[in-house]
N, C-alpha and C. Protein backbone atom coordinates (compact mmCIF):
# COMPACT_ATOMS: atom_id res chain seq x y z
N MET A 1 -95.96 -3.26 -243.25
CA MET A 1 -96.05 -2.66 -242.45
C MET A 1 -94.58 -1.90 -242.75
N ALA A 2 -94.11 -0.31 -243.43
CA ALA A 2 -92.61 0.07 -243.15
C ALA A 2 -92.30 0.11 -241.92
N ILE A 3 -90.94 0.37 -242.16
CA ILE A 3 -89.86 0.63 -240.91
C ILE A 3 -90.04 2.05 -240.89
N ASP A 4 -90.67 2.50 -240.01
CA ASP A 4 -90.45 3.77 -240.03
C ASP A 4 -89.78 4.68 -238.28
N TYR A 5 -88.20 5.29 -238.81
CA TYR A 5 -87.34 5.63 -237.98
C TYR A 5 -87.78 6.35 -237.60
N VAL A 6 -87.32 6.68 -235.84
CA VAL A 6 -87.84 8.42 -234.84
C VAL A 6 -85.99 8.58 -234.96
N LYS A 7 -84.76 7.84 -235.04
CA LYS A 7 -84.01 8.68 -234.76
C LYS A 7 -82.89 7.55 -235.80
N ARG A 8 -81.62 7.81 -236.51
CA ARG A 8 -80.89 6.89 -237.00
C ARG A 8 -79.78 7.71 -237.00
N ALA A 9 -79.01 6.24 -236.73
CA ALA A 9 -77.41 6.90 -237.03
C ALA A 9 -76.98 7.57 -238.66
N THR A 10 -76.05 8.33 -238.32
CA THR A 10 -75.32 9.13 -240.09
C THR A 10 -74.72 8.13 -239.77
N LYS A 11 -73.84 7.94 -238.99
CA LYS A 11 -72.41 6.43 -239.70
C LYS A 11 -72.90 5.94 -238.86
N THR A 12 -72.91 4.87 -239.90
CA THR A 12 -73.07 3.13 -240.07
C THR A 12 -71.55 1.98 -240.22
N PRO A 13 -70.99 1.07 -240.31
CA PRO A 13 -70.53 0.52 -240.78
C PRO A 13 -70.36 0.69 -241.95
N GLU A 14 -71.33 0.43 -243.17
CA GLU A 14 -71.62 0.75 -244.56
C GLU A 14 -70.71 1.67 -244.94
N THR A 15 -71.02 2.95 -244.24
CA THR A 15 -70.66 4.71 -244.35
C THR A 15 -69.09 4.81 -243.43
N GLU A 16 -68.95 3.50 -242.95
CA GLU A 16 -67.38 4.37 -242.81
C GLU A 16 -66.35 2.94 -242.17
N THR A 17 -66.50 2.44 -243.12
CA THR A 17 -65.56 1.69 -243.58
C THR A 17 -64.27 1.50 -244.23
N ASP A 18 -64.38 2.17 -245.63
CA ASP A 18 -63.57 3.24 -245.69
C ASP A 18 -62.37 4.29 -245.42
N ALA A 19 -63.13 4.65 -244.74
CA ALA A 19 -62.15 6.09 -243.69
C ALA A 19 -61.57 5.54 -242.83
N ALA A 20 -61.68 4.04 -241.64
CA ALA A 20 -61.93 3.25 -240.63
C ALA A 20 -60.51 2.41 -241.45
N ARG A 21 -60.43 2.41 -242.48
CA ARG A 21 -59.70 1.47 -243.64
C ARG A 21 -58.19 1.83 -243.46
N GLU A 22 -58.78 3.55 -243.65
CA GLU A 22 -58.01 4.14 -244.33
C GLU A 22 -56.79 5.05 -242.98
N VAL A 23 -57.61 4.98 -242.80
CA VAL A 23 -57.14 5.24 -240.83
C VAL A 23 -55.68 4.07 -240.56
N VAL A 24 -56.26 3.16 -240.52
CA VAL A 24 -55.55 1.93 -239.98
C VAL A 24 -54.24 1.62 -240.97
N SER A 25 -54.36 2.14 -241.97
CA SER A 25 -53.54 1.70 -243.56
C SER A 25 -52.57 2.95 -242.85
N THR A 26 -52.54 4.24 -242.81
CA THR A 26 -51.80 4.79 -242.04
C THR A 26 -50.78 5.41 -241.28
N MET A 27 -51.90 4.48 -239.96
CA MET A 27 -51.12 3.55 -239.23
C MET A 27 -49.98 3.01 -238.68
N LEU A 28 -50.05 1.84 -239.87
CA LEU A 28 -49.61 0.67 -239.60
C LEU A 28 -48.45 0.98 -240.69
N ALA A 29 -48.64 2.41 -242.00
CA ALA A 29 -47.21 2.71 -242.59
C ALA A 29 -46.41 3.24 -241.62
N GLU A 30 -47.23 4.23 -241.01
CA GLU A 30 -46.33 5.39 -239.88
C GLU A 30 -45.49 4.78 -238.62
N ILE A 31 -46.77 3.40 -238.86
CA ILE A 31 -45.25 2.83 -237.10
C ILE A 31 -44.34 1.98 -238.02
N GLU A 32 -44.41 1.13 -239.41
CA GLU A 32 -43.30 0.53 -239.73
C GLU A 32 -42.31 1.56 -240.11
N ALA A 33 -42.71 2.68 -240.25
CA ALA A 33 -41.30 3.25 -241.02
C ALA A 33 -40.75 4.09 -239.89
N ARG A 34 -41.43 4.56 -239.08
CA ARG A 34 -40.77 5.02 -237.74
C ARG A 34 -40.70 4.80 -236.66
N GLY A 35 -41.28 2.67 -236.28
CA GLY A 35 -40.85 2.31 -235.32
C GLY A 35 -41.81 3.10 -233.66
N GLU A 36 -41.02 2.53 -232.52
CA GLU A 36 -41.73 3.31 -231.31
C GLU A 36 -41.62 4.75 -231.40
N ALA A 37 -41.11 5.46 -232.29
CA ALA A 37 -41.18 6.76 -232.58
C ALA A 37 -42.72 7.40 -232.39
N ALA A 38 -43.28 6.67 -234.13
CA ALA A 38 -44.38 6.79 -234.45
C ALA A 38 -45.62 5.99 -233.02
N VAL A 39 -45.32 4.78 -232.36
CA VAL A 39 -46.04 4.23 -232.00
C VAL A 39 -46.82 5.71 -230.93
N ARG A 40 -45.55 6.45 -229.68
CA ARG A 40 -45.55 7.33 -229.11
C ARG A 40 -46.41 8.48 -229.24
N ASP A 41 -45.92 8.75 -230.43
CA ASP A 41 -46.19 10.59 -230.78
C ASP A 41 -48.47 9.73 -231.11
N TYR A 42 -48.65 8.72 -231.68
CA TYR A 42 -50.28 8.15 -231.57
C TYR A 42 -50.57 8.29 -229.46
N ALA A 43 -49.35 7.90 -228.94
CA ALA A 43 -50.46 7.42 -227.69
C ALA A 43 -50.33 9.48 -227.23
N LEU A 44 -49.78 9.83 -227.63
CA LEU A 44 -49.99 10.79 -227.31
C LEU A 44 -50.65 11.66 -228.02
N LYS A 45 -51.04 11.76 -229.09
CA LYS A 45 -52.55 12.40 -229.66
C LYS A 45 -53.42 11.46 -229.17
N LEU A 46 -53.46 10.16 -229.07
CA LEU A 46 -54.65 9.79 -228.93
C LEU A 46 -55.45 9.55 -226.96
N ASP A 47 -54.83 9.35 -226.78
CA ASP A 47 -54.66 9.09 -225.42
C ASP A 47 -53.94 10.19 -224.67
N LYS A 48 -53.31 11.22 -225.54
CA LYS A 48 -52.23 12.27 -224.11
C LYS A 48 -51.22 11.93 -223.28
N TRP A 49 -50.79 10.56 -223.89
CA TRP A 49 -50.19 9.38 -222.59
C TRP A 49 -48.68 9.87 -223.97
N SER A 50 -47.50 10.30 -222.79
CA SER A 50 -46.24 10.39 -223.01
C SER A 50 -45.35 9.49 -222.16
N GLY A 51 -45.69 8.76 -221.11
CA GLY A 51 -45.08 7.85 -220.16
C GLY A 51 -44.36 7.14 -220.44
N ASP A 52 -44.08 5.80 -220.04
CA ASP A 52 -43.65 4.68 -220.38
C ASP A 52 -44.76 4.02 -221.26
N ILE A 53 -44.07 3.37 -222.59
CA ILE A 53 -44.21 2.33 -223.27
C ILE A 53 -44.49 1.19 -222.20
N VAL A 54 -43.56 0.65 -221.92
CA VAL A 54 -43.94 -0.87 -220.95
C VAL A 54 -43.44 0.11 -219.81
N VAL A 55 -44.34 -0.77 -218.67
CA VAL A 55 -44.78 -0.38 -217.85
C VAL A 55 -44.03 -1.77 -216.61
N PRO A 56 -43.05 -0.68 -215.52
CA PRO A 56 -42.18 -1.74 -214.91
C PRO A 56 -43.29 -1.79 -213.40
N PRO A 57 -42.43 -3.17 -213.14
CA PRO A 57 -43.53 -3.80 -212.06
C PRO A 57 -43.99 -3.35 -211.11
N GLU A 58 -42.96 -2.89 -210.41
CA GLU A 58 -43.31 -1.63 -209.30
C GLU A 58 -44.24 -0.75 -209.57
N GLU A 59 -44.48 0.24 -210.65
CA GLU A 59 -45.02 0.75 -210.76
C GLU A 59 -46.78 0.48 -211.15
N ILE A 60 -46.84 -1.17 -211.55
CA ILE A 60 -47.84 -1.73 -211.36
C ILE A 60 -48.46 -2.08 -210.05
N GLU A 61 -46.91 -2.16 -209.55
CA GLU A 61 -47.84 -3.01 -207.94
C GLU A 61 -48.86 -1.69 -207.17
N ARG A 62 -47.31 -0.51 -207.17
CA ARG A 62 -48.06 0.86 -207.41
C ARG A 62 -49.62 1.25 -206.89
N ARG A 63 -50.41 1.38 -208.68
CA ARG A 63 -51.13 1.38 -209.52
C ARG A 63 -52.60 0.10 -208.66
N THR A 64 -52.00 -0.34 -208.86
CA THR A 64 -52.78 -1.41 -208.37
C THR A 64 -53.11 -1.71 -206.86
N ARG A 65 -52.44 -1.15 -205.62
CA ARG A 65 -52.58 -1.63 -204.59
C ARG A 65 -53.97 -1.71 -203.61
N ASP A 66 -54.24 -0.25 -203.81
CA ASP A 66 -55.38 0.15 -203.36
C ASP A 66 -56.84 -0.91 -203.68
N VAL A 67 -56.84 -1.22 -205.53
CA VAL A 67 -58.33 -2.03 -206.30
C VAL A 67 -58.43 -2.47 -205.50
N PRO A 68 -59.48 -3.24 -204.69
CA PRO A 68 -60.51 -3.89 -203.99
C PRO A 68 -60.33 -5.31 -204.05
N GLU A 69 -59.84 -6.35 -203.25
CA GLU A 69 -59.90 -7.31 -203.98
C GLU A 69 -60.71 -8.50 -204.87
N SER A 70 -61.66 -8.11 -204.63
CA SER A 70 -63.00 -8.67 -205.14
C SER A 70 -63.49 -7.84 -206.47
N VAL A 71 -62.63 -7.11 -206.92
CA VAL A 71 -62.32 -6.44 -208.48
C VAL A 71 -61.23 -7.42 -208.76
N LYS A 72 -59.97 -7.46 -207.71
CA LYS A 72 -59.07 -7.59 -208.69
C LYS A 72 -59.41 -9.85 -208.94
N GLN A 73 -60.37 -10.12 -208.33
CA GLN A 73 -60.87 -11.28 -208.51
C GLN A 73 -61.66 -11.36 -209.47
N ASP A 74 -62.38 -10.10 -209.88
CA ASP A 74 -63.45 -10.20 -211.03
C ASP A 74 -62.99 -10.13 -212.07
N ILE A 75 -61.71 -9.34 -212.40
CA ILE A 75 -60.62 -8.67 -213.39
C ILE A 75 -60.17 -10.94 -213.76
N ALA A 76 -60.05 -11.52 -212.52
CA ALA A 76 -59.34 -12.65 -213.05
C ALA A 76 -60.55 -13.26 -213.91
N PHE A 77 -61.51 -13.41 -212.97
CA PHE A 77 -62.22 -14.82 -213.43
C PHE A 77 -62.74 -14.17 -215.19
N ALA A 78 -62.71 -13.19 -215.50
CA ALA A 78 -63.36 -12.65 -216.27
C ALA A 78 -62.03 -12.91 -218.15
N ALA A 79 -60.75 -12.38 -217.49
CA ALA A 79 -59.63 -12.58 -217.96
C ALA A 79 -59.42 -14.67 -218.25
N GLY A 80 -59.68 -15.59 -217.52
CA GLY A 80 -59.75 -16.38 -217.02
C GLY A 80 -60.30 -17.28 -218.21
N GLN A 81 -61.24 -16.49 -218.64
CA GLN A 81 -63.36 -17.23 -219.07
C GLN A 81 -62.63 -16.54 -219.79
N VAL A 82 -62.49 -15.74 -220.99
CA VAL A 82 -61.61 -15.30 -222.19
C VAL A 82 -60.49 -16.03 -223.00
N ARG A 83 -59.69 -16.23 -221.93
CA ARG A 83 -58.36 -17.00 -222.74
C ARG A 83 -58.51 -18.44 -221.97
N ARG A 84 -59.38 -18.85 -221.89
CA ARG A 84 -60.09 -20.23 -222.22
C ARG A 84 -60.68 -20.48 -222.76
N PHE A 85 -61.24 -19.70 -223.29
CA PHE A 85 -62.82 -19.69 -225.03
C PHE A 85 -61.66 -19.37 -225.40
N ALA A 86 -60.51 -18.86 -225.67
CA ALA A 86 -59.84 -18.27 -226.98
C ALA A 86 -58.54 -19.28 -227.17
N GLU A 87 -58.09 -20.53 -226.03
CA GLU A 87 -57.31 -21.52 -226.57
C GLU A 87 -57.93 -22.46 -227.05
N ALA A 88 -60.12 -22.80 -226.92
CA ALA A 88 -60.25 -23.96 -227.28
C ALA A 88 -60.53 -23.75 -228.35
N GLN A 89 -60.71 -22.18 -228.92
CA GLN A 89 -60.93 -21.89 -230.33
C GLN A 89 -60.09 -22.13 -231.04
N ARG A 90 -58.48 -21.65 -230.52
CA ARG A 90 -57.39 -22.52 -231.38
C ARG A 90 -56.71 -23.69 -231.54
N ASP A 91 -57.36 -24.38 -230.51
CA ASP A 91 -57.66 -25.47 -230.38
C ASP A 91 -58.45 -26.49 -231.64
N SER A 92 -59.65 -25.79 -232.11
CA SER A 92 -60.27 -25.88 -232.76
C SER A 92 -60.02 -26.05 -234.32
N VAL A 93 -59.47 -25.10 -234.62
CA VAL A 93 -58.39 -24.01 -235.95
C VAL A 93 -57.29 -24.98 -236.49
N GLN A 94 -57.32 -25.83 -237.57
CA GLN A 94 -56.21 -26.68 -237.73
C GLN A 94 -56.19 -26.59 -239.26
N ASP A 95 -54.19 -26.66 -239.94
CA ASP A 95 -54.52 -26.76 -241.37
C ASP A 95 -54.89 -27.26 -242.14
N PHE A 96 -55.01 -26.86 -243.55
CA PHE A 96 -55.10 -28.37 -243.74
C PHE A 96 -55.50 -28.06 -246.14
N ALA A 97 -55.74 -29.39 -246.38
CA ALA A 97 -54.98 -28.30 -247.87
C ALA A 97 -56.73 -29.10 -248.55
N VAL A 98 -56.29 -29.04 -249.61
CA VAL A 98 -57.82 -29.59 -250.78
C VAL A 98 -57.86 -29.35 -252.12
N GLU A 99 -57.83 -30.51 -252.18
CA GLU A 99 -57.53 -29.86 -253.89
C GLU A 99 -59.22 -30.10 -255.14
N LEU A 100 -59.63 -28.71 -255.44
CA LEU A 100 -60.69 -28.50 -255.29
C LEU A 100 -61.25 -29.07 -257.10
N LEU A 101 -60.09 -28.79 -258.27
CA LEU A 101 -60.11 -29.19 -258.97
C LEU A 101 -58.50 -29.63 -259.72
N PRO A 102 -58.60 -30.84 -260.09
CA PRO A 102 -56.72 -31.00 -260.82
C PRO A 102 -55.82 -30.58 -260.31
N GLY A 103 -55.08 -30.00 -259.99
CA GLY A 103 -54.31 -29.03 -259.83
C GLY A 103 -54.33 -27.84 -259.34
N LEU A 104 -55.42 -27.55 -258.92
CA LEU A 104 -55.79 -26.35 -258.04
C LEU A 104 -56.14 -26.89 -256.35
N THR A 105 -55.41 -26.32 -255.46
CA THR A 105 -55.43 -26.94 -254.09
C THR A 105 -55.61 -25.34 -253.20
N THR A 106 -56.62 -25.45 -252.65
CA THR A 106 -56.60 -24.35 -251.65
C THR A 106 -56.56 -25.26 -250.35
N GLY A 107 -57.12 -23.70 -249.49
CA GLY A 107 -56.08 -24.40 -247.86
C GLY A 107 -55.97 -23.10 -246.43
N GLN A 108 -55.67 -23.20 -245.53
CA GLN A 108 -55.09 -22.12 -244.64
C GLN A 108 -54.18 -23.08 -243.95
N LYS A 109 -53.40 -21.54 -242.70
CA LYS A 109 -52.35 -22.57 -242.78
C LYS A 109 -51.88 -21.33 -242.04
N LEU A 110 -51.81 -21.98 -240.04
CA LEU A 110 -51.66 -21.63 -239.23
C LEU A 110 -50.32 -20.64 -239.21
N VAL A 111 -49.99 -19.37 -238.92
CA VAL A 111 -48.50 -19.26 -239.24
C VAL A 111 -48.60 -18.09 -237.54
N PRO A 112 -47.66 -18.86 -236.48
CA PRO A 112 -47.48 -17.64 -235.50
C PRO A 112 -47.03 -16.56 -235.04
N CYS A 113 -46.97 -15.80 -234.23
CA CYS A 113 -46.42 -14.72 -234.62
C CYS A 113 -45.51 -14.35 -233.45
N ASN A 114 -44.79 -13.80 -233.59
CA ASN A 114 -44.09 -13.21 -231.54
C ASN A 114 -44.61 -12.10 -231.14
N VAL A 115 -45.37 -11.15 -231.80
CA VAL A 115 -45.24 -10.12 -231.13
C VAL A 115 -47.23 -9.54 -231.73
N ALA A 116 -47.63 -9.07 -230.54
CA ALA A 116 -49.15 -8.96 -231.04
C ALA A 116 -49.25 -7.49 -230.34
N GLY A 117 -50.13 -6.07 -230.72
CA GLY A 117 -50.07 -4.90 -230.51
C GLY A 117 -51.23 -4.76 -230.03
N CYS A 118 -51.07 -4.69 -228.75
CA CYS A 118 -53.01 -5.19 -228.06
C CYS A 118 -53.27 -3.53 -227.74
N TYR A 119 -53.98 -2.52 -228.78
CA TYR A 119 -54.50 -0.98 -227.77
C TYR A 119 -55.45 -1.62 -227.07
N VAL A 120 -55.19 -0.95 -225.90
CA VAL A 120 -56.05 -0.61 -225.31
C VAL A 120 -56.79 0.83 -224.73
N PRO A 121 -58.09 1.27 -225.09
CA PRO A 121 -58.50 2.67 -224.90
C PRO A 121 -58.17 3.16 -223.33
N THR A 122 -58.05 4.24 -223.22
CA THR A 122 -58.44 4.99 -221.52
C THR A 122 -59.05 6.64 -221.90
N GLY A 123 -59.72 6.48 -222.80
CA GLY A 123 -60.10 7.65 -222.62
C GLY A 123 -61.90 7.53 -222.00
N ARG A 124 -62.56 8.28 -223.31
CA ARG A 124 -63.96 8.65 -223.71
C ARG A 124 -64.83 6.94 -223.15
N TYR A 125 -64.57 5.81 -223.60
CA TYR A 125 -65.23 5.06 -223.76
C TYR A 125 -63.64 3.34 -223.30
N ALA A 126 -63.47 4.41 -221.51
CA ALA A 126 -62.80 3.07 -221.26
C ALA A 126 -63.07 2.00 -220.56
N HIS A 127 -62.95 0.43 -220.83
CA HIS A 127 -63.65 -0.40 -220.28
C HIS A 127 -62.08 -1.89 -220.49
N ILE A 128 -62.03 -2.23 -219.26
CA ILE A 128 -61.18 -3.25 -219.04
C ILE A 128 -61.31 -4.45 -220.28
N ALA A 129 -62.62 -4.44 -220.43
CA ALA A 129 -62.86 -5.63 -221.38
C ALA A 129 -62.05 -5.62 -222.45
N SER A 130 -61.83 -3.97 -222.63
CA SER A 130 -60.62 -4.11 -223.85
C SER A 130 -59.43 -5.10 -223.77
N ALA A 131 -58.75 -4.20 -222.74
CA ALA A 131 -57.43 -4.82 -222.40
C ALA A 131 -57.63 -6.01 -222.41
N TYR A 132 -58.56 -7.03 -221.46
CA TYR A 132 -58.08 -8.46 -220.78
C TYR A 132 -58.99 -9.46 -222.66
N MET A 133 -59.57 -8.80 -223.71
CA MET A 133 -60.22 -9.70 -224.33
C MET A 133 -59.37 -9.57 -225.85
N SER A 134 -58.59 -8.60 -225.67
CA SER A 134 -56.98 -8.64 -226.40
C SER A 134 -55.89 -8.99 -226.15
N ILE A 135 -55.30 -8.99 -224.77
CA ILE A 135 -54.42 -9.78 -223.96
C ILE A 135 -54.36 -10.95 -224.05
N ALA A 136 -55.50 -11.61 -223.37
CA ALA A 136 -56.23 -12.82 -222.92
C ALA A 136 -56.01 -13.63 -224.48
N THR A 137 -56.16 -13.31 -225.49
CA THR A 137 -56.41 -13.58 -226.72
C THR A 137 -55.16 -13.97 -227.06
N ALA A 138 -54.51 -13.07 -227.32
CA ALA A 138 -52.81 -13.01 -227.76
C ALA A 138 -51.96 -14.73 -226.57
N LYS A 139 -52.13 -13.66 -225.45
CA LYS A 139 -51.25 -14.86 -224.88
C LYS A 139 -52.01 -16.44 -225.23
N ALA A 140 -52.86 -16.36 -225.27
CA ALA A 140 -53.82 -17.65 -226.01
C ALA A 140 -53.15 -18.48 -227.36
N ALA A 141 -52.81 -17.41 -227.55
CA ALA A 141 -52.76 -18.31 -229.02
C ALA A 141 -51.25 -18.05 -229.37
N GLY A 142 -50.41 -17.75 -227.66
CA GLY A 142 -48.77 -18.31 -228.54
C GLY A 142 -47.83 -16.65 -228.12
N VAL A 143 -48.57 -15.96 -228.04
CA VAL A 143 -47.53 -14.71 -228.16
C VAL A 143 -46.99 -14.03 -227.22
């Protein structure tokens, strides 16, 4: 029996991969060339954000003061679960090398980084999971 689609997305991962790759490449090149100024421009363009890039502890306290304790506990629990899994995942990956043919050695080497850029969208599809999925995994990796 043939599949009959009632509704079909016009954009799919297969049709959009090249466009997404081009957008990301352009953004990364711009950030590499212009640094924080480019990050600020993208924050304004994408999220209409022109405030501080690094939020001071006092501002975090002010903005979280009225969040119910049960919500804070739920967030801490979810972030902890993500971090615990990420740590287990990190601990399962190891450097290795294997000689496939005489003189042909392949393998993998884990190379730590000092900084990770974690983008957390706050617009139409703002989900707190975006924050803890990217930030908790970066912290688990040692960033």
